[in-house]
Protein backbone atom coordinates (compact mmCIF):
# COMPACT_ATOMS: atom_id res chain seq x y z
CA MET A 1 213.37 154.04 5.43
CA GLU A 2 217.11 153.39 5.12
CA VAL A 3 218.25 154.35 1.47
CA GLY A 4 221.45 154.64 0.16
CA THR A 5 222.79 158.28 -1.12
CA TRP A 6 221.96 156.99 -4.78
CA GLY A 7 218.32 157.07 -3.77
CA PHE A 8 218.51 160.63 -3.12
CA THR A 9 220.19 161.40 -6.32
CA VAL A 10 217.37 159.38 -8.22
CA ALA A 11 214.75 161.23 -6.24
CA GLY A 12 216.30 164.68 -7.07
CA LEU A 13 216.47 163.34 -10.97
CA VAL A 14 212.79 162.23 -10.95
CA VAL A 15 211.33 165.58 -9.59
CA GLY A 16 213.76 167.61 -11.56
CA PHE A 17 212.30 165.88 -14.43
CA ILE A 18 208.83 166.68 -13.35
CA VAL A 19 209.51 170.48 -12.64
CA GLY A 20 211.29 170.73 -16.14
CA MET A 21 208.18 169.28 -17.96
CA THR A 22 205.50 171.09 -15.78
CA GLY A 23 207.19 174.06 -14.05
CA VAL A 24 205.54 173.10 -10.75
CA GLY A 25 206.00 170.25 -8.28
CA GLY A 26 209.44 171.08 -6.90
CA GLY A 27 208.93 171.39 -3.17
CA SER A 28 205.37 169.84 -3.05
CA LEU A 29 207.12 166.39 -4.34
CA MET A 30 210.42 166.64 -2.77
CA THR A 31 209.53 167.14 0.74
CA PRO A 32 206.99 164.36 1.07
CA ILE A 33 209.77 162.09 -0.63
CA LEU A 34 212.24 163.00 1.82
CA LEU A 35 209.72 162.30 4.66
CA TRP A 36 208.90 158.87 3.07
CA PHE A 37 212.79 158.11 2.98
CA GLY A 38 212.67 158.61 6.88
CA ILE A 39 214.15 162.07 6.91
CA ASN A 40 213.14 164.03 10.04
CA PRO A 41 210.43 166.69 9.06
CA ALA A 42 212.13 169.75 10.00
CA THR A 43 215.32 168.58 8.17
CA ALA A 44 213.40 167.60 5.02
CA VAL A 45 211.92 171.31 4.91
CA GLY A 46 215.17 172.92 5.77
CA THR A 47 217.14 170.83 3.14
CA ASP A 48 214.50 171.43 0.44
CA LEU A 49 214.37 175.15 1.02
CA LEU A 50 218.12 175.62 0.32
CA TYR A 51 217.60 173.18 -2.50
CA ALA A 52 214.85 175.32 -4.09
CA ALA A 53 216.89 178.63 -3.48
CA ILE A 54 219.84 177.07 -5.54
CA THR A 55 217.86 175.69 -8.35
CA LYS A 56 215.64 178.69 -8.89
CA ALA A 57 218.70 181.15 -8.65
CA SER A 58 219.71 179.98 -12.18
CA GLY A 59 216.28 180.86 -13.52
CA VAL A 60 216.42 184.41 -12.04
CA TRP A 61 219.60 184.82 -14.05
CA VAL A 62 217.82 183.83 -17.21
CA HIS A 63 214.50 185.72 -16.67
CA GLY A 64 216.61 188.61 -15.50
CA ARG A 65 218.57 188.76 -18.87
CA ASN A 66 215.27 188.52 -20.79
CA LYS A 67 213.81 191.09 -18.83
CA ASN A 68 211.15 188.84 -17.41
CA ILE A 69 210.81 190.05 -14.07
CA ASP A 70 208.69 192.94 -12.50
CA TRP A 71 211.18 193.92 -9.84
CA LYS A 72 208.48 196.29 -8.15
CA ILE A 73 205.87 193.22 -7.58
CA THR A 74 208.85 191.11 -6.37
CA GLY A 75 209.71 193.74 -3.75
CA TRP A 76 206.17 194.12 -2.61
CA LEU A 77 205.82 190.47 -2.16
CA ALA A 78 209.08 190.09 -0.17
CA LEU A 79 207.84 192.97 1.99
CA GLY A 80 205.30 190.57 3.27
CA SER A 81 207.12 187.21 2.86
CA VAL A 82 210.50 187.72 4.58
CA PRO A 83 209.13 189.15 7.75
CA ALA A 84 206.47 186.40 8.05
CA ALA A 85 209.14 183.87 7.51
CA ALA A 86 211.27 185.30 10.11
CA ILE A 87 208.09 185.16 12.68
CA VAL A 88 207.62 181.62 11.60
CA LEU A 89 211.05 180.65 12.20
CA LEU A 90 211.13 181.99 15.63
CA TYR A 91 207.99 180.11 16.21
CA LEU A 92 209.94 176.73 15.11
CA LYS A 93 212.93 177.77 17.17
CA SER A 94 210.63 177.76 20.34
CA LEU A 95 209.71 174.16 19.50
CA ASN A 96 213.22 173.15 18.72
CA ALA A 97 213.54 171.58 22.16
CA GLU A 98 210.61 169.45 21.45
CA PRO A 99 211.44 167.48 18.20
CA GLN A 100 208.14 165.56 17.99
CA ALA A 101 206.07 168.84 18.49
CA MET A 102 207.70 170.75 15.60
CA GLY A 103 207.40 167.44 13.32
CA ALA A 104 203.62 167.33 13.89
CA VAL A 105 203.33 171.01 13.38
CA ILE A 106 205.06 170.59 9.92
CA LYS A 107 203.22 167.66 8.84
CA GLN A 108 199.77 168.89 9.37
CA ALA A 109 200.85 172.26 7.51
CA LEU A 110 202.46 170.25 4.90
CA ALA A 111 199.11 168.37 4.44
CA ALA A 112 197.12 171.39 4.22
CA VAL A 113 199.36 173.14 1.80
CA LEU A 114 199.60 170.06 -0.66
CA PHE A 115 195.88 170.09 -0.75
CA LEU A 116 195.84 173.76 -1.62
CA THR A 117 198.69 173.33 -4.18
CA ALA A 118 196.70 170.48 -5.83
CA MET A 119 193.58 172.62 -6.23
CA ALA A 120 195.70 175.33 -7.59
CA ILE A 121 197.09 172.94 -10.14
CA LEU A 122 193.86 171.17 -11.01
CA PHE A 123 191.83 174.59 -11.45
CA LYS A 124 194.64 176.75 -12.74
CA LYS A 125 193.11 177.38 -16.17
CA ARG A 126 189.79 178.04 -14.64
CA LEU A 127 191.05 180.49 -12.31
CA GLN A 128 193.05 182.32 -14.94
CA ALA A 129 189.90 182.49 -17.31
CA LEU A 130 188.05 184.11 -14.53
CA ALA A 131 190.79 186.60 -13.61
CA SER A 132 190.85 187.51 -17.39
CA ARG A 133 187.40 187.86 -17.77
CA HIS A 134 186.89 190.37 -15.03
CA ALA A 135 190.15 192.20 -15.20
CA GLY A 136 188.60 195.28 -16.47
CA ASP A 137 185.72 195.43 -13.73
CA ARG A 138 185.88 194.21 -10.21
CA TYR A 139 189.74 193.75 -10.55
CA ASN A 140 190.28 197.29 -11.46
CA LEU A 141 192.05 198.06 -8.09
CA SER A 142 193.70 201.21 -7.01
CA PRO A 143 197.48 200.91 -6.92
CA ARG A 144 197.44 201.44 -3.40
CA THR A 145 195.18 198.43 -2.63
CA LEU A 146 197.05 196.44 -5.06
CA ASN A 147 200.33 196.99 -3.43
CA GLY A 148 198.64 196.02 -0.08
CA LEU A 149 197.21 192.80 -1.49
CA THR A 150 200.54 191.91 -2.87
CA VAL A 151 202.22 192.33 0.48
CA VAL A 152 199.26 190.32 2.23
CA THR A 153 199.94 187.72 -0.67
CA GLY A 154 203.57 187.70 0.50
CA VAL A 155 202.72 187.01 4.14
CA VAL A 156 200.56 183.97 3.27
CA LEU A 157 203.43 182.56 1.23
CA GLY A 158 205.97 183.44 3.62
CA VAL A 159 204.32 181.37 6.41
CA MET A 160 203.56 178.44 4.10
CA VAL A 161 206.83 178.16 2.57
CA SER A 162 208.74 178.35 5.85
CA LEU A 163 206.67 175.80 7.43
CA THR A 164 206.52 173.46 4.49
CA SER A 165 208.97 174.55 1.77
CA ILE A 166 205.77 174.46 -0.58
CA GLY A 167 203.61 177.37 -1.93
CA ALA A 168 205.99 179.57 -3.71
CA GLY A 169 205.34 177.68 -7.12
CA ALA A 170 201.97 176.78 -7.97
CA LEU A 171 200.09 179.03 -5.29
CA GLY A 172 202.20 181.88 -5.82
CA THR A 173 201.92 181.98 -9.53
CA VAL A 174 198.09 181.48 -9.38
CA ALA A 175 197.80 184.29 -6.70
CA LEU A 176 199.91 186.76 -8.94
CA PHE A 177 197.71 185.84 -11.96
CA MET A 178 194.51 186.75 -9.89
CA LEU A 179 196.16 190.21 -8.82
CA TYR A 180 197.82 190.96 -12.22
CA PRO A 181 195.58 189.57 -14.86
CA PHE A 182 197.42 191.70 -17.55
CA LEU A 183 200.98 190.66 -16.55
CA ALA A 184 202.53 188.64 -19.37
CA THR A 185 202.84 185.04 -18.51
CA ARG A 186 206.55 184.91 -18.79
CA ARG A 187 206.92 187.99 -16.77
CA LEU A 188 204.44 186.45 -13.97
CA VAL A 189 206.59 183.23 -13.92
CA GLY A 190 209.79 185.32 -13.64
CA THR A 191 208.56 187.54 -11.16
CA GLU A 192 207.43 184.35 -8.93
CA ILE A 193 210.72 182.85 -9.25
CA ALA A 194 212.63 186.02 -8.55
CA HIS A 195 210.56 186.21 -5.23
CA ALA A 196 211.03 182.54 -4.37
CA VAL A 197 214.88 182.87 -4.22
CA PRO A 198 215.15 185.21 -1.24
CA LEU A 199 212.07 183.68 0.62
CA THR A 200 213.45 180.19 0.22
CA LEU A 201 217.23 181.34 1.06
CA VAL A 202 216.13 183.32 4.23
CA ALA A 203 213.83 180.34 5.56
CA GLY A 204 216.49 177.89 4.45
CA MET A 205 219.24 179.62 6.34
CA GLY A 206 216.84 179.79 9.26
CA HIS A 207 216.29 176.41 9.34
CA ALA A 208 219.95 175.70 8.98
CA SER A 209 220.64 177.72 12.08
CA MET A 210 218.28 175.33 14.05
CA GLY A 211 220.24 172.38 12.78
CA ASN A 212 217.56 171.47 10.33
CA MET A 213 219.88 170.83 7.52
CA ASP A 214 221.65 167.87 5.91
CA TRP A 215 224.19 169.27 3.37
CA SER A 216 225.42 165.92 2.00
CA LEU A 217 221.67 165.20 1.26
CA LEU A 218 221.50 168.69 -0.42
CA GLY A 219 224.53 167.86 -2.50
CA HIS A 220 223.05 164.33 -3.66
CA LEU A 221 219.57 166.01 -4.49
CA LEU A 222 221.26 168.71 -6.73
CA LEU A 223 223.21 165.89 -8.44
CA GLY A 224 220.20 164.27 -9.62
CA SER A 225 217.81 167.36 -10.06
CA LEU A 226 219.88 169.26 -12.26
CA PRO A 227 220.06 166.85 -15.40
CA GLY A 228 216.50 166.02 -14.47
CA ILE A 229 215.44 169.67 -15.03
CA TYR A 230 217.52 169.78 -18.35
CA LEU A 231 215.85 166.55 -19.43
CA GLY A 232 212.35 167.53 -18.45
CA SER A 233 212.58 170.93 -20.01
CA HIS A 234 213.38 169.47 -23.52
CA LEU A 235 210.65 167.10 -23.29
CA SER A 236 208.15 169.87 -22.16
CA GLY A 237 205.28 170.15 -24.50
CA ARG A 238 205.42 166.62 -25.84
CA VAL A 239 203.11 165.43 -23.14
CA SER A 240 199.57 167.21 -23.09
CA ASP A 241 199.37 169.68 -20.01
CA ASP A 242 195.77 168.46 -19.80
CA VAL A 243 197.13 165.04 -18.82
CA LEU A 244 200.24 166.07 -16.64
CA ARG A 245 198.40 168.58 -14.42
CA PRO A 246 195.54 166.21 -13.22
CA LEU A 247 197.97 163.51 -12.36
CA LEU A 248 200.16 165.74 -10.30
CA ALA A 249 197.22 167.16 -8.55
CA VAL A 250 195.90 163.56 -7.86
CA MET A 251 199.41 162.58 -6.54
CA LEU A 252 199.59 165.73 -4.41
CA LEU A 253 196.12 164.96 -2.85
CA LEU A 254 197.12 161.38 -2.18
CA ILE A 255 200.24 162.60 -0.35
CA GLY A 256 198.39 165.12 1.46
CA TYR A 257 195.77 162.65 2.59
CA LYS A 258 198.38 160.32 3.86
CA LEU A 259 200.30 162.96 5.72
CA ALA A 260 197.17 164.14 7.36
CA PHE A 261 195.43 160.90 8.38
């Protein structure tokens, strides 16, 4: 679909507004929107990855100042996610000479991750309640096992994010809560954001090295998203979370279905 540069700025504004209100939905909405606009799948993913790295970097600064980041957990996650991202990028590089094959892989992976993200958003409260209820029994893992599971979680997130630019937000937050049910919510969110920045930056630069980047598009998305996030953040809480989350989940399910079929 042909669209003027204003269309991308409006898209950034809308996505930024939703992220500001709900805290999720960045990559899971932005990448499908870019595909709808006719952007090549690989370019959409690469551009969205750097878009995410830039927009979340300010969040790291704020959360870091407020001591809302557990740097140890961030390190264990990155130990799994960054090497996994590098391996995925090498795989995509092998498909670089076949744009259609790369586009097909990215679209199918995108559909699968959108379905998972929708489920995570829809059942977030139930999963959190389950983790809290059993925090003292079967979740009583040894430090070594917990560190190992955190690295494995990082690997899964690294693969998903590098292929689709989606997963670090909703899925990452739910996974961390399941592993660390006693971690305060503000530190959980801060830790997830701190991990997302290096992951999306590495994956984004990897895609950029393959030519999967549109710098002009990135600028127009940021032009809309920064005020959008500001406005959405100020309206956060005025619309019930019980209304927003199901609507967002249904939207992601419909997008995922359209991509898969």
